[in-house]
Every structure is written in structure tokens, then in C-alpha cells.
PDB file of all heavy atoms in Angstrom:
ATOM      1  N   ALA A   1      -2.786 -50.400 -63.630  1.00  0.00           N
ATOM      2  CA  ALA A   1      -1.873 -51.540 -63.584  1.00  0.00           C
ATOM      3  C   ALA A   1      -1.112 -51.757 -64.888  1.00  0.00           C
ATOM      4  O   ALA A   1      -0.246 -52.634 -64.950  1.00  0.00           O
ATOM      5  CB  ALA A   1      -2.664 -52.809 -63.251  1.00  0.00           C
ATOM      6  N   ASP A   2      -1.403 -50.973 -65.910  1.00  0.00           N
ATOM      7  CA  ASP A   2      -0.839 -51.225 -67.231  1.00  0.00           C
ATOM      8  C   ASP A   2       0.411 -50.384 -67.461  1.00  0.00           C
ATOM      9  O   ASP A   2       0.342 -49.162 -67.589  1.00  0.00           O
ATOM     10  CB  ASP A   2      -1.874 -50.917 -68.312  1.00  0.00           C
ATOM     11  CG  ASP A   2      -1.398 -51.318 -69.690  1.00  0.00           C
ATOM     12  OD1 ASP A   2      -1.609 -52.484 -70.056  1.00  0.00           O
ATOM     13  OD2 ASP A   2      -0.818 -50.468 -70.389  1.00  0.00           O
ATOM     14  N   SER A   3       1.551 -51.038 -67.553  1.00  0.00           N
ATOM     15  CA  SER A   3       2.809 -50.306 -67.720  1.00  0.00           C
ATOM     16  C   SER A   3       2.985 -49.771 -69.139  1.00  0.00           C
ATOM     17  O   SER A   3       3.671 -48.767 -69.352  1.00  0.00           O
ATOM     18  CB  SER A   3       3.993 -51.206 -67.363  1.00  0.00           C
ATOM     19  OG  SER A   3       4.010 -52.363 -68.178  1.00  0.00           O
ATOM     20  N   THR A   4       2.355 -50.423 -70.120  1.00  0.00           N
ATOM     21  CA  THR A   4       2.547 -50.010 -71.511  1.00  0.00           C
ATOM     22  C   THR A   4       1.947 -48.638 -71.778  1.00  0.00           C
ATOM     23  O   THR A   4       2.632 -47.723 -72.260  1.00  0.00           O
ATOM     24  CB  THR A   4       1.936 -51.048 -72.473  1.00  0.00           C
ATOM     25  OG1 THR A   4       2.542 -52.320 -72.236  1.00  0.00           O
ATOM     26  CG2 THR A   4       2.166 -50.643 -73.909  1.00  0.00           C
ATOM     27  N   LEU A   5       0.658 -48.468 -71.474  1.00  0.00           N
ATOM     28  CA  LEU A   5       0.034 -47.166 -71.717  1.00  0.00           C
ATOM     29  C   LEU A   5       0.669 -46.086 -70.855  1.00  0.00           C
ATOM     30  O   LEU A   5       0.811 -44.938 -71.288  1.00  0.00           O
ATOM     31  CB  LEU A   5      -1.468 -47.231 -71.465  1.00  0.00           C
ATOM     32  CG  LEU A   5      -2.350 -47.580 -72.661  1.00  0.00           C
ATOM     33  CD1 LEU A   5      -3.807 -47.399 -72.313  1.00  0.00           C
ATOM     34  CD2 LEU A   5      -2.004 -46.774 -73.900  1.00  0.00           C
ATOM     35  N   ILE A   6       1.042 -46.428 -69.636  1.00  0.00           N
ATOM     36  CA  ILE A   6       1.693 -45.448 -68.759  1.00  0.00           C
ATOM     37  C   ILE A   6       2.981 -44.945 -69.401  1.00  0.00           C
ATOM     38  O   ILE A   6       3.304 -43.752 -69.336  1.00  0.00           O
ATOM     39  CB  ILE A   6       1.956 -46.049 -67.372  1.00  0.00           C
ATOM     40  CG1 ILE A   6       0.625 -46.248 -66.622  1.00  0.00           C
ATOM     41  CG2 ILE A   6       2.885 -45.155 -66.555  1.00  0.00           C
ATOM     42  CD1 ILE A   6       0.763 -46.969 -65.296  1.00  0.00           C
ATOM     43  N   SER A   7       3.713 -45.840 -70.078  1.00  0.00           N
ATOM     44  CA  SER A   7       4.968 -45.428 -70.698  1.00  0.00           C
ATOM     45  C   SER A   7       4.737 -44.465 -71.852  1.00  0.00           C
ATOM     46  O   SER A   7       5.583 -43.621 -72.148  1.00  0.00           O
ATOM     47  CB  SER A   7       5.748 -46.655 -71.183  1.00  0.00           C
ATOM     48  OG  SER A   7       5.120 -47.255 -72.306  1.00  0.00           O
ATOM     49  N   TYR A   8       3.594 -44.573 -72.517  1.00  0.00           N
ATOM     50  CA  TYR A   8       3.284 -43.672 -73.632  1.00  0.00           C
ATOM     51  C   TYR A   8       2.676 -42.357 -73.145  1.00  0.00           C
ATOM     52  O   TYR A   8       3.033 -41.280 -73.631  1.00  0.00           O
ATOM     53  CB  TYR A   8       2.319 -44.351 -74.608  1.00  0.00           C
ATOM     54  CG  TYR A   8       2.978 -45.346 -75.523  1.00  0.00           C
ATOM     55  CD1 TYR A   8       3.036 -46.698 -75.192  1.00  0.00           C
ATOM     56  CD2 TYR A   8       3.555 -44.944 -76.722  1.00  0.00           C
ATOM     57  CE1 TYR A   8       3.639 -47.623 -76.032  1.00  0.00           C
ATOM     58  CE2 TYR A   8       4.164 -45.857 -77.577  1.00  0.00           C
ATOM     59  CZ  TYR A   8       4.206 -47.192 -77.227  1.00  0.00           C
ATOM     60  OH  TYR A   8       4.816 -48.095 -78.057  1.00  0.00           O
ATOM     61  N   PHE A   9       1.749 -42.430 -72.225  1.00  0.00           N
ATOM     62  CA  PHE A   9       1.057 -41.231 -71.744  1.00  0.00           C
ATOM     63  C   PHE A   9       1.872 -40.466 -70.710  1.00  0.00           C
ATOM     64  O   PHE A   9       1.639 -39.274 -70.505  1.00  0.00           O
ATOM     65  CB  PHE A   9      -0.294 -41.615 -71.139  1.00  0.00           C
ATOM     66  CG  PHE A   9      -1.389 -41.835 -72.139  1.00  0.00           C
ATOM     67  CD1 PHE A   9      -1.290 -42.795 -73.123  1.00  0.00           C
ATOM     68  CD2 PHE A   9      -2.548 -41.069 -72.089  1.00  0.00           C
ATOM     69  CE1 PHE A   9      -2.295 -42.995 -74.044  1.00  0.00           C
ATOM     70  CE2 PHE A   9      -3.566 -41.263 -72.998  1.00  0.00           C
ATOM     71  CZ  PHE A   9      -3.441 -42.232 -73.984  1.00  0.00           C
ATOM     72  N   GLY A  10       2.782 -41.143 -70.058  1.00  0.00           N
ATOM     73  CA  GLY A  10       3.558 -40.537 -68.990  1.00  0.00           C
ATOM     74  C   GLY A  10       2.953 -40.834 -67.639  1.00  0.00           C
ATOM     75  O   GLY A  10       1.741 -40.715 -67.439  1.00  0.00           O
ATOM     76  N   GLU A  11       3.799 -41.243 -66.702  1.00  0.00           N
ATOM     77  CA  GLU A  11       3.316 -41.609 -65.363  1.00  0.00           C
ATOM     78  C   GLU A  11       2.607 -40.447 -64.682  1.00  0.00           C
ATOM     79  O   GLU A  11       1.588 -40.628 -64.010  1.00  0.00           O
ATOM     80  CB  GLU A  11       4.498 -42.093 -64.510  1.00  0.00           C
ATOM     81  CG  GLU A  11       4.086 -42.645 -63.161  1.00  0.00           C
ATOM     82  CD  GLU A  11       5.250 -43.258 -62.405  1.00  0.00           C
ATOM     83  OE1 GLU A  11       6.331 -43.428 -63.004  1.00  0.00           O
ATOM     84  OE2 GLU A  11       5.069 -43.563 -61.209  1.00  0.00           O
ATOM     85  N   LYS A  12       3.125 -39.239 -64.885  1.00  0.00           N
ATOM     86  CA  LYS A  12       2.529 -38.072 -64.239  1.00  0.00           C
ATOM     87  C   LYS A  12       1.125 -37.807 -64.766  1.00  0.00           C
ATOM     88  O   LYS A  12       0.203 -37.499 -63.993  1.00  0.00           O
ATOM     89  CB  LYS A  12       3.428 -36.853 -64.450  1.00  0.00           C
ATOM     90  CG  LYS A  12       3.085 -35.665 -63.572  1.00  0.00           C
ATOM     91  CD  LYS A  12       4.124 -34.548 -63.732  1.00  0.00           C
ATOM     92  CE  LYS A  12       3.777 -33.351 -62.852  1.00  0.00           C
ATOM     93  NZ  LYS A  12       4.739 -32.240 -63.038  1.00  0.00           N
ATOM     94  N   PHE A  13       0.939 -37.946 -66.085  1.00  0.00           N
ATOM     95  CA  PHE A  13      -0.392 -37.719 -66.652  1.00  0.00           C
ATOM     96  C   PHE A  13      -1.371 -38.800 -66.199  1.00  0.00           C
ATOM     97  O   PHE A  13      -2.501 -38.483 -65.787  1.00  0.00           O
ATOM     98  CB  PHE A  13      -0.359 -37.683 -68.183  1.00  0.00           C
ATOM     99  CG  PHE A  13      -1.733 -37.515 -68.783  1.00  0.00           C
ATOM    100  CD1 PHE A  13      -2.289 -36.252 -68.927  1.00  0.00           C
ATOM    101  CD2 PHE A  13      -2.488 -38.615 -69.161  1.00  0.00           C
ATOM    102  CE1 PHE A  13      -3.568 -36.088 -69.434  1.00  0.00           C
ATOM    103  CE2 PHE A  13      -3.774 -38.466 -69.670  1.00  0.00           C
ATOM    104  CZ  PHE A  13      -4.300 -37.198 -69.808  1.00  0.00           C
ATOM    105  N   ILE A  14      -0.974 -40.067 -66.274  1.00  0.00           N
ATOM    106  CA  ILE A  14      -1.886 -41.147 -65.890  1.00  0.00           C
ATOM    107  C   ILE A  14      -2.278 -41.023 -64.420  1.00  0.00           C
ATOM    108  O   ILE A  14      -3.440 -41.229 -64.044  1.00  0.00           O
ATOM    109  CB  ILE A  14      -1.256 -42.521 -66.175  1.00  0.00           C
ATOM    110  CG1 ILE A  14      -1.143 -42.750 -67.686  1.00  0.00           C
ATOM    111  CG2 ILE A  14      -2.079 -43.637 -65.536  1.00  0.00           C
ATOM    112  CD1 ILE A  14      -2.459 -42.820 -68.427  1.00  0.00           C
ATOM    113  N   SER A  15      -1.322 -40.675 -63.569  1.00  0.00           N
ATOM    114  CA  SER A  15      -1.632 -40.486 -62.155  1.00  0.00           C
ATOM    115  C   SER A  15      -2.686 -39.399 -61.970  1.00  0.00           C
ATOM    116  O   SER A  15      -3.658 -39.577 -61.219  1.00  0.00           O
ATOM    117  CB  SER A  15      -0.359 -40.134 -61.389  1.00  0.00           C
ATOM    118  OG  SER A  15      -0.651 -39.844 -60.035  1.00  0.00           O
ATOM    119  N   LEU A  16      -2.520 -38.286 -62.671  1.00  0.00           N
ATOM    120  CA  LEU A  16      -3.479 -37.192 -62.566  1.00  0.00           C
ATOM    121  C   LEU A  16      -4.829 -37.594 -63.154  1.00  0.00           C
ATOM    122  O   LEU A  16      -5.884 -37.311 -62.570  1.00  0.00           O
ATOM    123  CB  LEU A  16      -2.932 -35.958 -63.279  1.00  0.00           C
ATOM    124  CG  LEU A  16      -3.790 -34.693 -63.212  1.00  0.00           C
ATOM    125  CD1 LEU A  16      -3.962 -34.228 -61.775  1.00  0.00           C
ATOM    126  CD2 LEU A  16      -3.185 -33.593 -64.067  1.00  0.00           C
ATOM    127  N   TYR A  17      -4.809 -38.249 -64.319  1.00  0.00           N
ATOM    128  CA  TYR A  17      -6.050 -38.699 -64.944  1.00  0.00           C
ATOM    129  C   TYR A  17      -6.830 -39.615 -64.005  1.00  0.00           C
ATOM    130  O   TYR A  17      -8.057 -39.475 -63.846  1.00  0.00           O
ATOM    131  CB  TYR A  17      -5.734 -39.425 -66.250  1.00  0.00           C
ATOM    132  CG  TYR A  17      -6.957 -39.830 -67.042  1.00  0.00           C
ATOM    133  CD1 TYR A  17      -7.578 -38.928 -67.896  1.00  0.00           C
ATOM    134  CD2 TYR A  17      -7.491 -41.112 -66.945  1.00  0.00           C
ATOM    135  CE1 TYR A  17      -8.702 -39.291 -68.627  1.00  0.00           C
ATOM    136  CE2 TYR A  17      -8.611 -41.489 -67.661  1.00  0.00           C
ATOM    137  CZ  TYR A  17      -9.213 -40.576 -68.508  1.00  0.00           C
ATOM    138  OH  TYR A  17     -10.344 -40.941 -69.223  1.00  0.00           O
ATOM    139  N   LEU A  18      -6.123 -40.540 -63.372  1.00  0.00           N
ATOM    140  CA  LEU A  18      -6.782 -41.454 -62.442  1.00  0.00           C
ATOM    141  C   LEU A  18      -7.332 -40.717 -61.227  1.00  0.00           C
ATOM    142  O   LEU A  18      -8.418 -41.048 -60.729  1.00  0.00           O
ATOM    143  CB  LEU A  18      -5.813 -42.551 -62.009  1.00  0.00           C
ATOM    144  CG  LEU A  18      -5.478 -43.596 -63.076  1.00  0.00           C
ATOM    145  CD1 LEU A  18      -4.327 -44.481 -62.616  1.00  0.00           C
ATOM    146  CD2 LEU A  18      -6.701 -44.438 -63.412  1.00  0.00           C
ATOM    147  N   GLN A  19      -6.618 -39.723 -60.727  1.00  0.00           N
ATOM    148  CA  GLN A  19      -7.134 -38.945 -59.597  1.00  0.00           C
ATOM    149  C   GLN A  19      -8.455 -38.266 -59.949  1.00  0.00           C
ATOM    150  O   GLN A  19      -9.404 -38.271 -59.151  1.00  0.00           O
ATOM    151  CB  GLN A  19      -6.107 -37.897 -59.176  1.00  0.00           C
ATOM    152  CG  GLN A  19      -4.893 -38.444 -58.466  1.00  0.00           C
ATOM    153  CD  GLN A  19      -3.880 -37.352 -58.161  1.00  0.00           C
ATOM    154  OE1 GLN A  19      -4.222 -36.188 -58.027  1.00  0.00           O
ATOM    155  NE2 GLN A  19      -2.612 -37.726 -58.058  1.00  0.00           N
ATOM    156  N   VAL A  20      -8.527 -37.704 -61.151  1.00  0.00           N
ATOM    157  CA  VAL A  20      -9.761 -37.033 -61.576  1.00  0.00           C
ATOM    158  C   VAL A  20     -10.882 -38.048 -61.742  1.00  0.00           C
ATOM    159  O   VAL A  20     -11.995 -37.865 -61.223  1.00  0.00           O
ATOM    160  CB  VAL A  20      -9.529 -36.264 -62.889  1.00  0.00           C
ATOM    161  CG1 VAL A  20     -10.847 -35.681 -63.410  1.00  0.00           C
ATOM    162  CG2 VAL A  20      -8.511 -35.150 -62.694  1.00  0.00           C
ATOM    163  N   ARG A  21     -10.599 -39.123 -62.456  1.00  0.00           N
ATOM    164  CA  ARG A  21     -11.651 -40.106 -62.728  1.00  0.00           C
ATOM    165  C   ARG A  21     -12.078 -40.853 -61.463  1.00  0.00           C
ATOM    166  O   ARG A  21     -13.263 -41.157 -61.279  1.00  0.00           O
ATOM    167  CB  ARG A  21     -11.165 -41.091 -63.787  1.00  0.00           C
ATOM    168  CG  ARG A  21     -10.972 -40.461 -65.162  1.00  0.00           C
ATOM    169  CD  ARG A  21     -12.298 -40.027 -65.749  1.00  0.00           C
ATOM    170  NE  ARG A  21     -12.113 -39.376 -67.048  1.00  0.00           N
ATOM    171  CZ  ARG A  21     -12.461 -38.139 -67.306  1.00  0.00           C
ATOM    172  NH1 ARG A  21     -13.012 -37.383 -66.371  1.00  0.00           N
ATOM    173  NH2 ARG A  21     -12.280 -37.622 -68.497  1.00  0.00           N
ATOM    174  N   GLU A  22     -11.136 -41.149 -60.586  1.00  0.00           N
ATOM    175  CA  GLU A  22     -11.512 -41.833 -59.334  1.00  0.00           C
ATOM    176  C   GLU A  22     -12.387 -40.939 -58.470  1.00  0.00           C
ATOM    177  O   GLU A  22     -13.312 -41.414 -57.809  1.00  0.00           O
ATOM    178  CB  GLU A  22     -10.255 -42.270 -58.588  1.00  0.00           C
ATOM    179  CG  GLU A  22      -9.573 -43.474 -59.227  1.00  0.00           C
ATOM    180  CD  GLU A  22      -8.192 -43.737 -58.666  1.00  0.00           C
ATOM    181  OE1 GLU A  22      -7.697 -42.898 -57.867  1.00  0.00           O
ATOM    182  OE2 GLU A  22      -7.597 -44.769 -59.038  1.00  0.00           O
ATOM    183  N   SER A  23     -12.107 -39.635 -58.452  1.00  0.00           N
ATOM    184  CA  SER A  23     -12.973 -38.709 -57.719  1.00  0.00           C
ATOM    185  C   SER A  23     -14.380 -38.721 -58.304  1.00  0.00           C
ATOM    186  O   SER A  23     -15.383 -38.736 -57.568  1.00  0.00           O
ATOM    187  CB  SER A  23     -12.407 -37.286 -57.771  1.00  0.00           C
ATOM    188  OG  SER A  23     -11.225 -37.172 -57.006  1.00  0.00           O
ATOM    189  N   GLU A  24     -14.481 -38.723 -59.629  1.00  0.00           N
ATOM    190  CA  GLU A  24     -15.795 -38.755 -60.285  1.00  0.00           C
ATOM    191  C   GLU A  24     -16.501 -40.081 -60.029  1.00  0.00           C
ATOM    192  O   GLU A  24     -17.726 -40.111 -59.809  1.00  0.00           O
ATOM    193  CB  GLU A  24     -15.632 -38.542 -61.788  1.00  0.00           C
ATOM    194  CG  GLU A  24     -15.283 -37.128 -62.189  1.00  0.00           C
ATOM    195  CD  GLU A  24     -15.396 -36.924 -63.693  1.00  0.00           C
ATOM    196  OE1 GLU A  24     -16.515 -36.659 -64.171  1.00  0.00           O
ATOM    197  OE2 GLU A  24     -14.363 -37.046 -64.382  1.00  0.00           O
ATOM    198  N   GLU A  25     -15.739 -41.176 -60.075  1.00  0.00           N
ATOM    199  CA  GLU A  25     -16.351 -42.491 -59.860  1.00  0.00           C
ATOM    200  C   GLU A  25     -16.905 -42.614 -58.453  1.00  0.00           C
ATOM    201  O   GLU A  25     -18.009 -43.147 -58.245  1.00  0.00           O
ATOM    202  CB  GLU A  25     -15.308 -43.589 -60.129  1.00  0.00           C
ATOM    203  CG  GLU A  25     -15.875 -44.989 -60.255  1.00  0.00           C
ATOM    204  CD  GLU A  25     -16.064 -45.686 -58.915  1.00  0.00           C
ATOM    205  OE1 GLU A  25     -15.358 -45.317 -57.954  1.00  0.00           O
ATOM    206  OE2 GLU A  25     -16.913 -46.603 -58.840  1.00  0.00           O
ATOM    207  N   GLU A  26     -16.164 -42.109 -57.478  1.00  0.00           N
ATOM    208  CA  GLU A  26     -16.645 -42.150 -56.101  1.00  0.00           C
ATOM    209  C   GLU A  26     -17.882 -41.267 -55.928  1.00  0.00           C
ATOM    210  O   GLU A  26     -18.832 -41.629 -55.225  1.00  0.00           O
ATOM    211  CB  GLU A  26     -15.533 -41.708 -55.151  1.00  0.00           C
ATOM    212  CG  GLU A  26     -14.412 -42.734 -55.041  1.00  0.00           C
ATOM    213  CD  GLU A  26     -13.233 -42.224 -54.241  1.00  0.00           C
ATOM    214  OE1 GLU A  26     -13.315 -41.086 -53.715  1.00  0.00           O
ATOM    215  OE2 GLU A  26     -12.219 -42.945 -54.152  1.00  0.00           O
ATOM    216  N   GLU A  27     -17.892 -40.099 -56.569  1.00  0.00           N
ATOM    217  CA  GLU A  27     -19.055 -39.215 -56.488  1.00  0.00           C
ATOM    218  C   GLU A  27     -20.275 -39.879 -57.125  1.00  0.00           C
ATOM    219  O   GLU A  27     -21.386 -39.808 -56.603  1.00  0.00           O
ATOM    220  CB  GLU A  27     -18.755 -37.891 -57.184  1.00  0.00           C
ATOM    221  CG  GLU A  27     -19.902 -36.891 -57.117  1.00  0.00           C
ATOM    222  CD  GLU A  27     -19.579 -35.582 -57.807  1.00  0.00           C
ATOM    223  OE1 GLU A  27     -18.400 -35.353 -58.155  1.00  0.00           O
ATOM    224  OE2 GLU A  27     -20.509 -34.786 -58.000  1.00  0.00           O
ATOM    225  N   ALA A  28     -20.068 -40.538 -58.280  1.00  0.00           N
ATOM    226  CA  ALA A  28     -21.175 -41.231 -58.942  1.00  0.00           C
ATOM    227  C   ALA A  28     -21.707 -42.359 -58.068  1.00  0.00           C
ATOM    228  O   ALA A  28     -22.928 -42.568 -57.965  1.00  0.00           O
ATOM    229  CB  ALA A  28     -20.705 -41.783 -60.291  1.00  0.00           C
ATOM    230  N   HIS A  29     -20.809 -43.072 -57.410  1.00  0.00           N
ATOM    231  CA  HIS A  29     -21.226 -44.166 -56.530  1.00  0.00           C
ATOM    232  C   HIS A  29     -22.086 -43.653 -55.375  1.00  0.00           C
ATOM    233  O   HIS A  29     -23.018 -44.326 -54.929  1.00  0.00           O
ATOM    234  CB  HIS A  29     -19.992 -44.887 -55.984  1.00  0.00           C
ATOM    235  CG  HIS A  29     -20.309 -46.036 -55.081  1.00  0.00           C
ATOM    236  ND1 HIS A  29     -20.832 -47.218 -55.546  1.00  0.00           N
ATOM    237  CD2 HIS A  29     -20.198 -46.181 -53.732  1.00  0.00           C
ATOM    238  CE1 HIS A  29     -21.022 -48.032 -54.523  1.00  0.00           C
ATOM    239  NE2 HIS A  29     -20.639 -47.438 -53.420  1.00  0.00           N
ATOM    240  N   ARG A  30     -21.788 -42.438 -54.908  1.00  0.00           N
ATOM    241  CA  ARG A  30     -22.549 -41.873 -53.790  1.00  0.00           C
ATOM    242  C   ARG A  30     -23.863 -41.225 -54.223  1.00  0.00           C
ATOM    243  O   ARG A  30     -24.660 -40.838 -53.371  1.00  0.00           O
ATOM    244  CB  ARG A  30     -21.704 -40.807 -53.073  1.00  0.00           C
ATOM    245  CG  ARG A  30     -20.449 -41.339 -52.398  1.00  0.00           C
ATOM    246  CD  ARG A  30     -19.856 -40.297 -51.452  1.00  0.00           C
ATOM    247  NE  ARG A  30     -19.463 -39.074 -52.139  1.00  0.00           N
ATOM    248  CZ  ARG A  30     -18.230 -38.794 -52.553  1.00  0.00           C
ATOM    249  NH1 ARG A  30     -17.262 -39.680 -52.362  1.00  0.00           N
ATOM    250  NH2 ARG A  30     -17.949 -37.655 -53.149  1.00  0.00           N
ATOM    251  N   SER A  31     -24.101 -41.103 -55.534  1.00  0.00           N
ATOM    252  CA  SER A  31     -25.229 -40.283 -55.989  1.00  0.00           C
ATOM    253  C   SER A  31     -26.413 -41.079 -56.506  1.00  0.00           C
ATOM    254  O   SER A  31     -27.328 -40.512 -57.091  1.00  0.00           O
ATOM    255  CB  SER A  31     -24.752 -39.336 -57.098  1.00  0.00           C
ATOM    256  OG  SER A  31     -24.377 -40.070 -58.250  1.00  0.00           O
ATOM    257  N   TYR A  32     -26.425 -42.383 -56.289  1.00  0.00           N
ATOM    258  CA  TYR A  32     -27.488 -43.205 -56.856  1.00  0.00           C
ATOM    259  C   TYR A  32     -28.660 -43.436 -55.904  1.00  0.00           C
ATOM    260  O   TYR A  32     -29.382 -44.404 -56.021  1.00  0.00           O
ATOM    261  CB  TYR A  32     -26.925 -44.568 -57.294  1.00  0.00           C
ATOM    262  CG  TYR A  32     -26.055 -44.504 -58.516  1.00  0.00           C
ATOM    263  CD1 TYR A  32     -25.042 -45.427 -58.708  1.00  0.00           C
ATOM    264  CD2 TYR A  32     -26.245 -43.536 -59.489  1.00  0.00           C
ATOM    265  CE1 TYR A  32     -24.236 -45.389 -59.833  1.00  0.00           C
ATOM    266  CE2 TYR A  32     -25.446 -43.473 -60.615  1.00  0.00           C
ATOM    267  CZ  TYR A  32     -24.441 -44.398 -60.779  1.00  0.00           C
ATOM    268  OH  TYR A  32     -23.656 -44.358 -61.890  1.00  0.00           O
ATOM    269  N   PHE A  33     -28.877 -42.551 -54.952  1.00  0.00           N
ATOM    270  CA  PHE A  33     -29.890 -42.825 -53.930  1.00  0.00           C
ATOM    271  C   PHE A  33     -31.312 -42.874 -54.492  1.00  0.00           C
ATOM    272  O   PHE A  33     -32.155 -43.605 -53.996  1.00  0.00           O
ATOM    273  CB  PHE A  33     -29.784 -41.807 -52.794  1.00  0.00           C
ATOM    274  CG  PHE A  33     -28.606 -42.061 -51.894  1.00  0.00           C
ATOM    275  CD1 PHE A  33     -27.431 -41.356 -52.055  1.00  0.00           C
ATOM    276  CD2 PHE A  33     -28.666 -43.038 -50.922  1.00  0.00           C
ATOM    277  CE1 PHE A  33     -26.337 -41.613 -51.247  1.00  0.00           C
ATOM    278  CE2 PHE A  33     -27.571 -43.303 -50.113  1.00  0.00           C
ATOM    279  CZ  PHE A  33     -26.402 -42.588 -50.269  1.00  0.00           C
ATOM    280  N   ALA A  34     -31.612 -42.114 -55.527  1.00  0.00           N
ATOM    281  CA  ALA A  34     -32.953 -42.157 -56.115  1.00  0.00           C
ATOM    282  C   ALA A  34     -33.247 -43.563 -56.632  1.00  0.00           C
ATOM    283  O   ALA A  34     -34.329 -44.115 -56.390  1.00  0.00           O
ATOM    284  CB  ALA A  34     -33.078 -41.136 -57.237  1.00  0.00           C
ATOM    285  N   ALA A  35     -32.273 -44.153 -57.332  1.00  0.00           N
ATOM    286  CA  ALA A  35     -32.454 -45.510 -57.819  1.00  0.00           C
ATOM    287  C   ALA A  35     -32.521 -46.499 -56.658  1.00  0.00           C
ATOM    288  O   ALA A  35     -33.294 -47.463 -56.682  1.00  0.00           O
ATOM    289  CB  ALA A  35     -31.319 -45.884 -58.765  1.00  0.00           C
ATOM    290  N   ASP A  36     -31.722 -46.266 -55.615  1.00  0.00           N
ATOM    291  CA  ASP A  36     -31.769 -47.139 -54.443  1.00  0.00           C
ATOM    292  C   ASP A  36     -33.156 -47.134 -53.812  1.00  0.00           C
ATOM    293  O   ASP A  36     -33.705 -48.184 -53.456  1.00  0.00           O
ATOM    294  CB  ASP A  36     -30.740 -46.688 -53.406  1.00  0.00           C
ATOM    295  CG  ASP A  36     -29.315 -46.969 -53.835  1.00  0.00           C
ATOM    296  OD1 ASP A  36     -29.124 -47.672 -54.840  1.00  0.00           O
ATOM    297  OD2 ASP A  36     -28.391 -46.477 -53.156  1.00  0.00           O
ATOM    298  N   HIS A  37     -33.723 -45.942 -53.658  1.00  0.00           N
ATOM    299  CA  HIS A  37     -35.050 -45.838 -53.050  1.00  0.00           C
ATOM    300  C   HIS A  37     -36.094 -46.557 -53.898  1.00  0.00           C
ATOM    301  O   HIS A  37     -36.956 -47.261 -53.377  1.00  0.00           O
ATOM    302  CB  HIS A  37     -35.437 -44.361 -52.883  1.00  0.00           C
ATOM    303  CG  HIS A  37     -34.590 -43.645 -51.890  1.00  0.00           C
ATOM    304  ND1 HIS A  37     -34.485 -42.275 -51.852  1.00  0.00           N
ATOM    305  CD2 HIS A  37     -33.771 -44.104 -50.905  1.00  0.00           C
ATOM    306  CE1 HIS A  37     -33.667 -41.924 -50.876  1.00  0.00           C
ATOM    307  NE2 HIS A  37     -33.222 -43.020 -50.295  1.00  0.00           N
TER     308      HIS A  37
END
């Protein structure tokens, strides 16, 4: 949501960075079953 950092890093880079990190965040969210148990 931050237009300032996007303007410095570039929209294309931030979009890609978020795609990578969101994939990792979703994987981490799905991997906590040991703690759940």
C-alpha cells in the first residue's frame, strides 16, 4: 500500500518481491500443524 517505497524500488520489483514473500507466507501458514497438534 506504500507509494513512496514503490516509487524508489520500482513497481515491477515490489510486485515480484510481494509475490515471492506472499507465497512463502502462505506456505508458512500451512506448515504449523505440529504446533497445532
